[in-house]
């Protein structure tokens, strides 16, 4: 079997399948073999981790295809685009990947490297151009991309302390609020470590409930009710309107809500 290099940064960009999904994939592979080639970059696996794990487990043969990129950041962007295009991501996961895409684009443009950045443009202009370009690509506002980048920053900071805690949040097992993400972003290493430990031992949600004020809980409950109501209404309207019409109407209201958000 061909030797494959595993890179932890790339691996973490590929969400692990849950137990049932992995079992279904394993059953299909055992019956039909590994039909899709694993994708490599300089011998490093960048697509097909689950198929590779199944191949190792059962000693199955597989094919590989190599791709060429100029940098690790180009690989990261390729993986992110693949995940967004191919997987049924949660809203939180999508925001995280958009934030990672923003950071990778900035690095690939040299905005984090004073030796290669375009000195003819102010730094703020470079950042705004990056956010605007991704906003157009993902059909969201520029401010949404900027907030997504902060969400990614917070999870990166947490992941440096505890990859398990980061995965728990990304998988949806542990729910976090915007204020908790902000706390991770600006918190000390001791504070982030405390948050990570509470997520690992399962006390994070309990501690939040104990420390949260009634107003915070009321706000969370109110937003949950509004979200559920909107979803029910859209499910009903989907039978009468075309998807493009629904998306256009929804986008206009999202933009209005973002305007309100920026004024708070």
Foldseek 3Di string as FASTA:
>chain_A
DDDAAEDVVLVVLDFDDPPVVLVVVLVVCVVPNDPDAFEDEVRYTNDDPSVVVSCVVVVGDHHYDYDYDDDVLVSLLVSLVCCVVPDPFDPLLVLLSLLSNLVSVCVVCVLVPPVRHDPVDDSVVSSQVSLCVSCVVVVHDSVSSVLSNLLNLLLVLLCVLPVVLSSCPRVVVDDDDPVVSVCSNPDDNVVSNVCSVCSVVVCNVVVCVVPDDPVVVVVVVVVVVVVVVVVVVVVVCCVVDPPVVVVVVVNVVVVVVVVVVVVD
